[in-house]
Amino acid sequence: MQKLSRKVALATTFGVVIFVSKTLLPTPFDKMILVVQAMFLALGFLAIGAWGATTVALIGGALTALLRAPFSIFTIAFAAIYGLLVDLLSTVFKVKDEEGVVKTKRLVAATTLSTAVVGLTSYYVTTHILTLLPRNLVLEIAILIAGVVNGLVGGYFADLVWRRGLNRMWDRQMYS
């Protein structure tokens, strides 16, 4: 039971950090600067395991939706998709081996691909389904580039934080 409560506490902490990072930045910058979100979703997967990134994303998304009530369903949906993609791709890419060693390139690839896909998908929904914005090729390219860069940096920072001690601290807490 103590192990579960620590996982919930960590997921909640990561979700709150994502919420704060998203609410400090004005729109549209909050949708273009996703490095904090990418990093904490990747760390959620590394620390919690399967469904870790999804749990972190749902907590951050639910908190953010409270401030964006008119679009809350989309905020929560895209947060869930983002977390699911990080979890799924991290599992498919075998980011952690049997001994728990993290493969940096695989983590960065999973985070980068997830960030780019969610960025382009949310842009597509905004422009084509909801027609809130007109199509703009320059903006589409900028979103793709921003998604790739944010995913690369977020995945790399997650690996750095994990290797610099979060893994040891987390293991000590989980099994003490």
N, C-alpha and C. Protein backbone atom coordinates (compact mmCIF):
# COMPACT_ATOMS: atom_id res chain seq x y z
N MET A 1 0.83 -1.20 0.00
CA MET A 1 0.00 0.00 0.00
C MET A 1 0.87 1.26 0.00
N GLN A 2 1.98 1.19 0.75
CA GLN A 2 2.87 2.34 0.81
C GLN A 2 3.50 2.60 -0.56
N LYS A 3 3.78 1.53 -1.29
CA LYS A 3 4.35 1.65 -2.63
C LYS A 3 3.37 2.37 -3.56
N LEU A 4 2.10 2.01 -3.50
CA LEU A 4 1.08 2.65 -4.32
C LEU A 4 0.93 4.12 -3.96
N SER A 5 0.92 4.44 -2.69
CA SER A 5 0.75 5.84 -2.27
C SER A 5 1.94 6.69 -2.73
N ARG A 6 3.12 6.12 -2.77
CA ARG A 6 4.29 6.86 -3.26
C ARG A 6 4.17 7.11 -4.76
N LYS A 7 3.67 6.14 -5.49
CA LYS A 7 3.47 6.32 -6.93
C LYS A 7 2.43 7.40 -7.19
N VAL A 8 1.35 7.37 -6.44
CA VAL A 8 0.30 8.38 -6.60
C VAL A 8 0.83 9.76 -6.25
N ALA A 9 1.61 9.85 -5.18
CA ALA A 9 2.18 11.14 -4.78
C ALA A 9 3.13 11.67 -5.85
N LEU A 10 3.95 10.80 -6.42
CA LEU A 10 4.88 11.23 -7.45
C LEU A 10 4.13 11.66 -8.71
N ALA A 11 3.14 10.88 -9.13
CA ALA A 11 2.35 11.24 -10.32
C ALA A 11 1.64 12.57 -10.11
N THR A 12 1.11 12.78 -8.91
CA THR A 12 0.43 14.04 -8.60
C THR A 12 1.41 15.21 -8.63
N THR A 13 2.57 15.02 -8.05
CA THR A 13 3.58 16.08 -8.06
C THR A 13 3.98 16.43 -9.49
N PHE A 14 4.25 15.43 -10.30
CA PHE A 14 4.61 15.68 -11.70
C PHE A 14 3.47 16.36 -12.45
N GLY A 15 2.23 15.92 -12.21
CA GLY A 15 1.07 16.53 -12.85
C GLY A 15 0.89 17.98 -12.47
N VAL A 16 1.14 18.31 -11.20
CA VAL A 16 1.03 19.70 -10.74
C VAL A 16 2.11 20.56 -11.39
N VAL A 17 3.31 20.03 -11.53
CA VAL A 17 4.38 20.78 -12.19
C VAL A 17 4.00 21.07 -13.65
N ILE A 18 3.43 20.10 -14.32
CA ILE A 18 2.97 20.32 -15.70
C ILE A 18 1.89 21.40 -15.73
N PHE A 19 0.94 21.31 -14.82
CA PHE A 19 -0.13 22.32 -14.74
C PHE A 19 0.44 23.72 -14.54
N VAL A 20 1.36 23.87 -13.62
CA VAL A 20 1.96 25.18 -13.34
C VAL A 20 2.72 25.69 -14.57
N SER A 21 3.47 24.81 -15.22
CA SER A 21 4.22 25.24 -16.40
C SER A 21 3.29 25.67 -17.53
N LYS A 22 2.14 25.02 -17.65
CA LYS A 22 1.20 25.37 -18.72
C LYS A 22 0.44 26.65 -18.41
N THR A 23 0.19 26.92 -17.14
CA THR A 23 -0.59 28.11 -16.80
C THR A 23 0.27 29.36 -16.66
N LEU A 24 1.57 29.21 -16.52
CA LEU A 24 2.45 30.38 -16.44
C LEU A 24 2.67 31.03 -17.80
N LEU A 25 2.56 30.23 -18.84
CA LEU A 25 2.79 30.74 -20.19
C LEU A 25 1.49 31.14 -20.86
N PRO A 26 1.46 32.28 -21.52
CA PRO A 26 0.24 32.66 -22.24
C PRO A 26 0.07 31.82 -23.50
N THR A 27 -1.18 31.71 -23.94
CA THR A 27 -1.47 31.04 -25.20
C THR A 27 -0.93 31.90 -26.33
N PRO A 28 -0.33 31.41 -27.35
CA PRO A 28 -0.13 30.04 -27.79
C PRO A 28 1.19 29.43 -27.31
N PHE A 29 1.97 30.19 -26.52
CA PHE A 29 3.28 29.69 -26.10
C PHE A 29 3.16 28.44 -25.23
N ASP A 30 2.07 28.32 -24.49
CA ASP A 30 1.89 27.14 -23.64
C ASP A 30 1.75 25.87 -24.48
N LYS A 31 1.37 26.03 -25.73
CA LYS A 31 1.22 24.87 -26.62
C LYS A 31 2.48 24.61 -27.45
N MET A 32 3.38 25.56 -27.44
CA MET A 32 4.61 25.41 -28.22
C MET A 32 5.81 25.04 -27.35
N ILE A 33 5.76 25.38 -26.09
CA ILE A 33 6.87 25.09 -25.18
C ILE A 33 6.42 23.95 -24.28
N LEU A 34 6.72 22.75 -24.73
CA LEU A 34 6.26 21.53 -24.05
C LEU A 34 7.39 20.76 -23.38
N VAL A 35 8.56 21.37 -23.28
CA VAL A 35 9.71 20.64 -22.76
C VAL A 35 9.48 20.15 -21.33
N VAL A 36 8.83 20.96 -20.50
CA VAL A 36 8.56 20.54 -19.11
C VAL A 36 7.59 19.37 -19.11
N GLN A 37 6.54 19.47 -19.90
CA GLN A 37 5.56 18.40 -19.99
C GLN A 37 6.21 17.12 -20.53
N ALA A 38 6.99 17.24 -21.58
CA ALA A 38 7.66 16.07 -22.16
C ALA A 38 8.57 15.41 -21.13
N MET A 39 9.33 16.21 -20.40
CA MET A 39 10.26 15.67 -19.42
C MET A 39 9.52 14.93 -18.30
N PHE A 40 8.48 15.52 -17.77
CA PHE A 40 7.78 14.90 -16.65
C PHE A 40 6.94 13.69 -17.06
N LEU A 41 6.47 13.67 -18.30
CA LEU A 41 5.78 12.47 -18.76
C LEU A 41 6.77 11.32 -18.91
N ALA A 42 7.94 11.62 -19.47
CA ALA A 42 8.98 10.58 -19.58
C ALA A 42 9.42 10.10 -18.21
N LEU A 43 9.61 11.02 -17.28
CA LEU A 43 9.97 10.63 -15.91
C LEU A 43 8.86 9.82 -15.25
N GLY A 44 7.61 10.15 -15.56
CA GLY A 44 6.49 9.37 -15.04
C GLY A 44 6.57 7.93 -15.49
N PHE A 45 6.89 7.73 -16.77
CA PHE A 45 7.05 6.36 -17.27
C PHE A 45 8.22 5.67 -16.58
N LEU A 46 9.34 6.35 -16.47
CA LEU A 46 10.54 5.74 -15.89
C LEU A 46 10.33 5.37 -14.42
N ALA A 47 9.73 6.26 -13.66
CA ALA A 47 9.59 6.04 -12.22
C ALA A 47 8.42 5.13 -11.87
N ILE A 48 7.31 5.30 -12.54
CA ILE A 48 6.10 4.57 -12.17
C ILE A 48 5.93 3.31 -13.00
N GLY A 49 6.40 3.36 -14.23
CA GLY A 49 6.26 2.20 -15.10
C GLY A 49 5.05 2.34 -16.00
N ALA A 50 4.48 1.21 -16.38
CA ALA A 50 3.32 1.20 -17.27
C ALA A 50 2.23 2.11 -16.72
N TRP A 51 1.67 2.93 -17.56
CA TRP A 51 0.61 3.89 -17.25
C TRP A 51 1.11 5.09 -16.44
N GLY A 52 2.42 5.18 -16.18
CA GLY A 52 2.95 6.30 -15.41
C GLY A 52 2.78 7.62 -16.11
N ALA A 53 3.15 7.69 -17.39
CA ALA A 53 3.02 8.93 -18.14
C ALA A 53 1.54 9.30 -18.32
N THR A 54 0.71 8.30 -18.54
CA THR A 54 -0.72 8.56 -18.70
C THR A 54 -1.32 9.13 -17.43
N THR A 55 -0.95 8.58 -16.30
CA THR A 55 -1.45 9.08 -15.01
C THR A 55 -1.01 10.52 -14.78
N VAL A 56 0.27 10.79 -15.01
CA VAL A 56 0.80 12.15 -14.85
C VAL A 56 0.08 13.11 -15.79
N ALA A 57 -0.10 12.70 -17.04
CA ALA A 57 -0.76 13.56 -18.03
C ALA A 57 -2.21 13.85 -17.65
N LEU A 58 -2.92 12.84 -17.17
CA LEU A 58 -4.32 13.05 -16.79
C LEU A 58 -4.44 14.00 -15.60
N ILE A 59 -3.53 13.91 -14.66
CA ILE A 59 -3.57 14.83 -13.51
C ILE A 59 -3.29 16.25 -13.98
N GLY A 60 -2.23 16.42 -14.78
CA GLY A 60 -1.93 17.75 -15.31
C GLY A 60 -3.04 18.28 -16.20
N GLY A 61 -3.61 17.41 -17.03
CA GLY A 61 -4.70 17.81 -17.91
C GLY A 61 -5.97 18.19 -17.16
N ALA A 62 -6.31 17.44 -16.13
CA ALA A 62 -7.51 17.74 -15.33
C ALA A 62 -7.35 19.09 -14.62
N LEU A 63 -6.19 19.34 -14.07
CA LEU A 63 -5.95 20.63 -13.41
C LEU A 63 -6.01 21.78 -14.41
N THR A 64 -5.40 21.60 -15.57
CA THR A 64 -5.40 22.63 -16.61
C THR A 64 -6.83 22.86 -17.12
N ALA A 65 -7.61 21.81 -17.23
CA ALA A 65 -8.99 21.93 -17.71
C ALA A 65 -9.85 22.78 -16.78
N LEU A 66 -9.51 22.81 -15.51
CA LEU A 66 -10.26 23.65 -14.58
C LEU A 66 -10.16 25.13 -14.95
N LEU A 67 -9.04 25.53 -15.53
CA LEU A 67 -8.85 26.92 -15.94
C LEU A 67 -9.32 27.19 -17.37
N ARG A 68 -9.54 26.14 -18.12
CA ARG A 68 -9.95 26.28 -19.52
C ARG A 68 -11.25 25.53 -19.76
N ALA A 69 -12.24 25.88 -19.00
CA ALA A 69 -13.51 25.16 -19.00
C ALA A 69 -14.14 24.99 -20.38
N PRO A 70 -14.17 26.00 -21.24
CA PRO A 70 -14.83 25.80 -22.54
C PRO A 70 -14.20 24.69 -23.39
N PHE A 71 -12.92 24.46 -23.21
CA PHE A 71 -12.22 23.45 -24.01
C PHE A 71 -11.70 22.32 -23.14
N SER A 72 -12.31 22.13 -21.99
CA SER A 72 -11.79 21.15 -21.03
C SER A 72 -11.75 19.73 -21.59
N ILE A 73 -12.73 19.36 -22.39
CA ILE A 73 -12.74 18.00 -22.95
C ILE A 73 -11.54 17.78 -23.85
N PHE A 74 -11.17 18.81 -24.62
CA PHE A 74 -10.01 18.69 -25.50
C PHE A 74 -8.71 18.70 -24.70
N THR A 75 -8.66 19.52 -23.66
CA THR A 75 -7.47 19.57 -22.81
C THR A 75 -7.21 18.20 -22.19
N ILE A 76 -8.24 17.59 -21.65
CA ILE A 76 -8.09 16.28 -21.01
C ILE A 76 -7.80 15.20 -22.07
N ALA A 77 -8.50 15.26 -23.19
CA ALA A 77 -8.29 14.26 -24.24
C ALA A 77 -6.86 14.29 -24.78
N PHE A 78 -6.36 15.48 -25.09
CA PHE A 78 -5.01 15.55 -25.63
C PHE A 78 -3.96 15.22 -24.58
N ALA A 79 -4.22 15.56 -23.32
CA ALA A 79 -3.30 15.15 -22.26
C ALA A 79 -3.24 13.63 -22.17
N ALA A 80 -4.41 13.00 -22.22
CA ALA A 80 -4.46 11.53 -22.16
C ALA A 80 -3.75 10.90 -23.35
N ILE A 81 -3.98 11.44 -24.54
CA ILE A 81 -3.32 10.91 -25.73
C ILE A 81 -1.80 11.05 -25.61
N TYR A 82 -1.36 12.19 -25.13
CA TYR A 82 0.08 12.44 -24.97
C TYR A 82 0.69 11.42 -23.99
N GLY A 83 0.05 11.26 -22.84
CA GLY A 83 0.55 10.30 -21.86
C GLY A 83 0.53 8.87 -22.39
N LEU A 84 -0.56 8.50 -23.06
CA LEU A 84 -0.65 7.16 -23.65
C LEU A 84 0.44 6.92 -24.69
N LEU A 85 0.69 7.93 -25.52
CA LEU A 85 1.74 7.78 -26.53
C LEU A 85 3.12 7.61 -25.90
N VAL A 86 3.41 8.39 -24.87
CA VAL A 86 4.71 8.25 -24.19
C VAL A 86 4.83 6.86 -23.59
N ASP A 87 3.77 6.40 -22.90
CA ASP A 87 3.80 5.05 -22.31
C ASP A 87 3.94 3.97 -23.39
N LEU A 88 3.12 4.07 -24.42
CA LEU A 88 3.12 3.07 -25.48
C LEU A 88 4.46 3.01 -26.21
N LEU A 89 4.93 4.17 -26.67
CA LEU A 89 6.18 4.19 -27.43
C LEU A 89 7.38 3.82 -26.55
N SER A 90 7.36 4.21 -25.29
CA SER A 90 8.45 3.83 -24.38
C SER A 90 8.47 2.33 -24.17
N THR A 91 7.30 1.72 -24.14
CA THR A 91 7.22 0.27 -24.00
C THR A 91 7.65 -0.42 -25.29
N VAL A 92 7.13 0.04 -26.43
CA VAL A 92 7.47 -0.56 -27.72
C VAL A 92 8.96 -0.41 -28.01
N PHE A 93 9.53 0.76 -27.70
CA PHE A 93 10.95 1.00 -27.96
C PHE A 93 11.85 0.38 -26.89
N LYS A 94 11.24 -0.25 -25.89
CA LYS A 94 11.99 -0.90 -24.80
C LYS A 94 13.01 0.07 -24.19
N VAL A 95 12.47 1.20 -23.72
CA VAL A 95 13.29 2.25 -23.13
C VAL A 95 14.07 1.74 -21.92
N LYS A 96 13.44 0.87 -21.13
CA LYS A 96 14.12 0.27 -19.97
C LYS A 96 14.34 -1.21 -20.26
N ASP A 97 15.57 -1.68 -20.02
CA ASP A 97 15.82 -3.10 -20.22
C ASP A 97 15.43 -3.89 -18.97
N GLU A 98 15.69 -5.18 -18.98
CA GLU A 98 15.28 -6.06 -17.87
C GLU A 98 15.90 -5.66 -16.54
N GLU A 99 17.10 -5.08 -16.57
CA GLU A 99 17.77 -4.66 -15.34
C GLU A 99 17.37 -3.25 -14.91
N GLY A 100 16.52 -2.61 -15.68
CA GLY A 100 16.07 -1.26 -15.35
C GLY A 100 16.96 -0.16 -15.90
N VAL A 101 17.91 -0.51 -16.76
CA VAL A 101 18.79 0.48 -17.37
C VAL A 101 18.04 1.20 -18.49
N VAL A 102 18.12 2.52 -18.46
CA VAL A 102 17.41 3.34 -19.44
C VAL A 102 18.28 3.54 -20.68
N LYS A 103 17.67 3.32 -21.83
CA LYS A 103 18.34 3.54 -23.12
C LYS A 103 18.01 4.96 -23.58
N THR A 104 19.00 5.84 -23.50
CA THR A 104 18.79 7.27 -23.75
C THR A 104 18.18 7.54 -25.12
N LYS A 105 18.76 6.98 -26.17
CA LYS A 105 18.28 7.26 -27.53
C LYS A 105 16.83 6.80 -27.71
N ARG A 106 16.48 5.70 -27.12
CA ARG A 106 15.11 5.20 -27.23
C ARG A 106 14.13 6.08 -26.46
N LEU A 107 14.54 6.54 -25.29
CA LEU A 107 13.70 7.44 -24.50
C LEU A 107 13.48 8.75 -25.25
N VAL A 108 14.54 9.31 -25.80
CA VAL A 108 14.44 10.55 -26.56
C VAL A 108 13.56 10.35 -27.79
N ALA A 109 13.71 9.22 -28.47
CA ALA A 109 12.88 8.94 -29.66
C ALA A 109 11.40 8.82 -29.28
N ALA A 110 11.10 8.11 -28.21
CA ALA A 110 9.70 7.94 -27.78
C ALA A 110 9.09 9.28 -27.40
N THR A 111 9.83 10.08 -26.67
CA THR A 111 9.32 11.38 -26.23
C THR A 111 9.16 12.33 -27.42
N THR A 112 10.13 12.33 -28.33
CA THR A 112 10.08 13.21 -29.49
C THR A 112 8.90 12.86 -30.40
N LEU A 113 8.75 11.60 -30.71
CA LEU A 113 7.66 11.17 -31.58
C LEU A 113 6.31 11.48 -30.95
N SER A 114 6.17 11.22 -29.67
CA SER A 114 4.91 11.50 -28.96
C SER A 114 4.57 12.99 -29.01
N THR A 115 5.57 13.82 -28.76
CA THR A 115 5.34 15.27 -28.73
C THR A 115 4.95 15.79 -30.11
N ALA A 116 5.64 15.34 -31.14
CA ALA A 116 5.32 15.79 -32.50
C ALA A 116 3.93 15.34 -32.93
N VAL A 117 3.59 14.10 -32.64
CA VAL A 117 2.27 13.57 -33.04
C VAL A 117 1.15 14.32 -32.32
N VAL A 118 1.29 14.55 -31.04
CA VAL A 118 0.24 15.25 -30.29
C VAL A 118 0.13 16.70 -30.75
N GLY A 119 1.26 17.35 -31.01
CA GLY A 119 1.22 18.73 -31.48
C GLY A 119 0.49 18.86 -32.81
N LEU A 120 0.83 18.00 -33.74
CA LEU A 120 0.17 18.06 -35.05
C LEU A 120 -1.29 17.64 -34.98
N THR A 121 -1.60 16.67 -34.14
CA THR A 121 -3.00 16.23 -33.99
C THR A 121 -3.85 17.33 -33.38
N SER A 122 -3.35 17.98 -32.35
CA SER A 122 -4.14 19.05 -31.73
C SER A 122 -4.30 20.23 -32.70
N TYR A 123 -3.27 20.49 -33.49
CA TYR A 123 -3.39 21.55 -34.49
C TYR A 123 -4.44 21.17 -35.54
N TYR A 124 -4.43 19.93 -35.98
CA TYR A 124 -5.40 19.46 -36.97
C TYR A 124 -6.84 19.60 -36.43
N VAL A 125 -7.05 19.20 -35.20
CA VAL A 125 -8.39 19.32 -34.62
C VAL A 125 -8.80 20.78 -34.53
N THR A 126 -7.88 21.64 -34.12
CA THR A 126 -8.18 23.07 -33.98
C THR A 126 -8.51 23.71 -35.33
N THR A 127 -7.80 23.32 -36.38
CA THR A 127 -8.01 23.98 -37.68
C THR A 127 -9.04 23.30 -38.55
N HIS A 128 -9.09 21.98 -38.56
CA HIS A 128 -9.96 21.27 -39.50
C HIS A 128 -11.29 20.82 -38.90
N ILE A 129 -11.29 20.42 -37.66
CA ILE A 129 -12.53 19.93 -37.07
C ILE A 129 -13.30 21.06 -36.39
N LEU A 130 -12.61 21.81 -35.53
CA LEU A 130 -13.28 22.91 -34.82
C LEU A 130 -13.27 24.21 -35.61
N THR A 131 -12.42 24.31 -36.58
CA THR A 131 -12.21 25.51 -37.41
C THR A 131 -12.06 26.78 -36.57
N LEU A 132 -11.29 26.67 -35.50
CA LEU A 132 -11.03 27.84 -34.65
C LEU A 132 -9.92 28.71 -35.24
N LEU A 133 -9.07 28.11 -36.04
CA LEU A 133 -7.97 28.82 -36.69
C LEU A 133 -7.95 28.45 -38.17
N PRO A 134 -7.51 29.38 -39.01
CA PRO A 134 -7.34 29.01 -40.42
C PRO A 134 -6.06 28.20 -40.59
N ARG A 135 -6.03 27.37 -41.63
CA ARG A 135 -4.81 26.61 -41.93
C ARG A 135 -3.69 27.56 -42.26
N ASN A 136 -2.49 27.20 -41.81
CA ASN A 136 -1.33 28.03 -42.05
C ASN A 136 -0.12 27.12 -42.14
N LEU A 137 0.43 26.99 -43.33
CA LEU A 137 1.55 26.08 -43.55
C LEU A 137 2.76 26.44 -42.69
N VAL A 138 3.02 27.73 -42.53
CA VAL A 138 4.15 28.17 -41.70
C VAL A 138 3.94 27.72 -40.25
N LEU A 139 2.73 27.88 -39.75
CA LEU A 139 2.42 27.47 -38.39
C LEU A 139 2.52 25.95 -38.24
N GLU A 140 2.07 25.21 -39.25
CA GLU A 140 2.17 23.75 -39.20
C GLU A 140 3.62 23.30 -39.12
N ILE A 141 4.48 23.92 -39.90
CA ILE A 141 5.91 23.59 -39.87
C ILE A 141 6.52 23.99 -38.53
N ALA A 142 6.12 25.16 -38.03
CA ALA A 142 6.63 25.61 -36.73
C ALA A 142 6.22 24.66 -35.61
N ILE A 143 4.99 24.19 -35.65
CA ILE A 143 4.51 23.25 -34.63
C ILE A 143 5.29 21.93 -34.72
N LEU A 144 5.51 21.46 -35.93
CA LEU A 144 6.28 20.22 -36.10
C LEU A 144 7.71 20.39 -35.57
N ILE A 145 8.34 21.48 -35.93
CA ILE A 145 9.71 21.73 -35.45
C ILE A 145 9.73 21.89 -33.94
N ALA A 146 8.79 22.67 -33.40
CA ALA A 146 8.73 22.87 -31.94
C ALA A 146 8.47 21.54 -31.23
N GLY A 147 7.60 20.71 -31.79
CA GLY A 147 7.32 19.42 -31.18
C GLY A 147 8.55 18.53 -31.15
N VAL A 148 9.28 18.51 -32.25
CA VAL A 148 10.49 17.70 -32.33
C VAL A 148 11.54 18.21 -31.34
N VAL A 149 11.77 19.52 -31.34
CA VAL A 149 12.78 20.09 -30.44
C VAL A 149 12.39 19.88 -28.98
N ASN A 150 11.13 20.16 -28.64
CA ASN A 150 10.68 19.97 -27.26
C ASN A 150 10.77 18.51 -26.83
N GLY A 151 10.41 17.60 -27.72
CA GLY A 151 10.51 16.19 -27.40
C GLY A 151 11.94 15.74 -27.19
N LEU A 152 12.83 16.21 -28.07
CA LEU A 152 14.25 15.88 -27.94
C LEU A 152 14.81 16.38 -26.61
N VAL A 153 14.57 17.64 -26.32
CA VAL A 153 15.11 18.24 -25.09
C VAL A 153 14.45 17.63 -23.86
N GLY A 154 13.13 17.46 -23.90
CA GLY A 154 12.43 16.87 -22.76
C GLY A 154 12.88 15.45 -22.48
N GLY A 155 13.03 14.64 -23.53
CA GLY A 155 13.50 13.27 -23.35
C GLY A 155 14.92 13.22 -22.81
N TYR A 156 15.77 14.10 -23.34
CA TYR A 156 17.15 14.15 -22.87
C TYR A 156 17.22 14.59 -21.41
N PHE A 157 16.47 15.64 -21.05
CA PHE A 157 16.46 16.11 -19.65
C PHE A 157 15.91 15.04 -18.72
N ALA A 158 14.88 14.31 -19.16
CA ALA A 158 14.33 13.24 -18.32
C ALA A 158 15.40 12.19 -18.05
N ASP A 159 16.13 11.82 -19.09
CA ASP A 159 17.22 10.85 -18.92
C ASP A 159 18.28 11.39 -17.98
N LEU A 160 18.63 12.66 -18.13
CA LEU A 160 19.64 13.29 -17.29
C LEU A 160 19.21 13.30 -15.82
N VAL A 161 17.98 13.72 -15.57
CA VAL A 161 17.46 13.74 -14.19
C VAL A 161 17.40 12.33 -13.62
N TRP A 162 16.98 11.39 -14.43
CA TRP A 162 16.88 10.00 -13.98
C TRP A 162 18.26 9.46 -13.60
N ARG A 163 19.23 9.69 -14.45
CA ARG A 163 20.59 9.19 -14.21
C ARG A 163 21.31 9.93 -13.10
N ARG A 164 20.98 11.19 -12.89
CA ARG A 164 21.66 12.00 -11.88
C ARG A 164 21.19 11.70 -10.46
N GLY A 165 20.26 10.80 -10.32
CA GLY A 165 19.91 10.42 -8.96
C GLY A 165 18.46 10.11 -8.69
N LEU A 166 17.56 10.53 -9.57
CA LEU A 166 16.15 10.24 -9.30
C LEU A 166 15.92 8.74 -9.24
N ASN A 167 16.60 7.97 -10.08
CA ASN A 167 16.41 6.51 -10.07
C ASN A 167 16.86 5.91 -8.74
N ARG A 168 17.99 6.36 -8.22
CA ARG A 168 18.48 5.82 -6.94
C ARG A 168 17.60 6.27 -5.78
N MET A 169 17.22 7.54 -5.80
CA MET A 169 16.35 8.05 -4.75
C MET A 169 15.00 7.33 -4.78
N TRP A 170 14.46 7.15 -5.97
CA TRP A 170 13.16 6.49 -6.12
C TRP A 170 13.24 5.03 -5.66
N ASP A 171 14.29 4.31 -6.07
CA ASP A 171 14.45 2.92 -5.66
C ASP A 171 14.59 2.81 -4.14
N ARG A 172 15.34 3.70 -3.53
CA ARG A 172 15.51 3.69 -2.08
C ARG A 172 14.17 3.92 -1.38
N GLN A 173 13.38 4.85 -1.87
CA GLN A 173 12.08 5.16 -1.28
C GLN A 173 11.09 4.01 -1.48
N MET A 174 11.13 3.39 -2.65
CA MET A 174 10.16 2.35 -2.96
C MET A 174 10.38 1.09 -2.16
N TYR A 175 11.61 0.80 -1.84
CA TYR A 175 11.90 -0.49 -1.21
C TYR A 175 12.37 -0.36 0.23
N SER A 176 12.23 0.81 0.81
CA SER A 176 12.62 0.95 2.22
C SER A 176 11.43 0.77 3.14
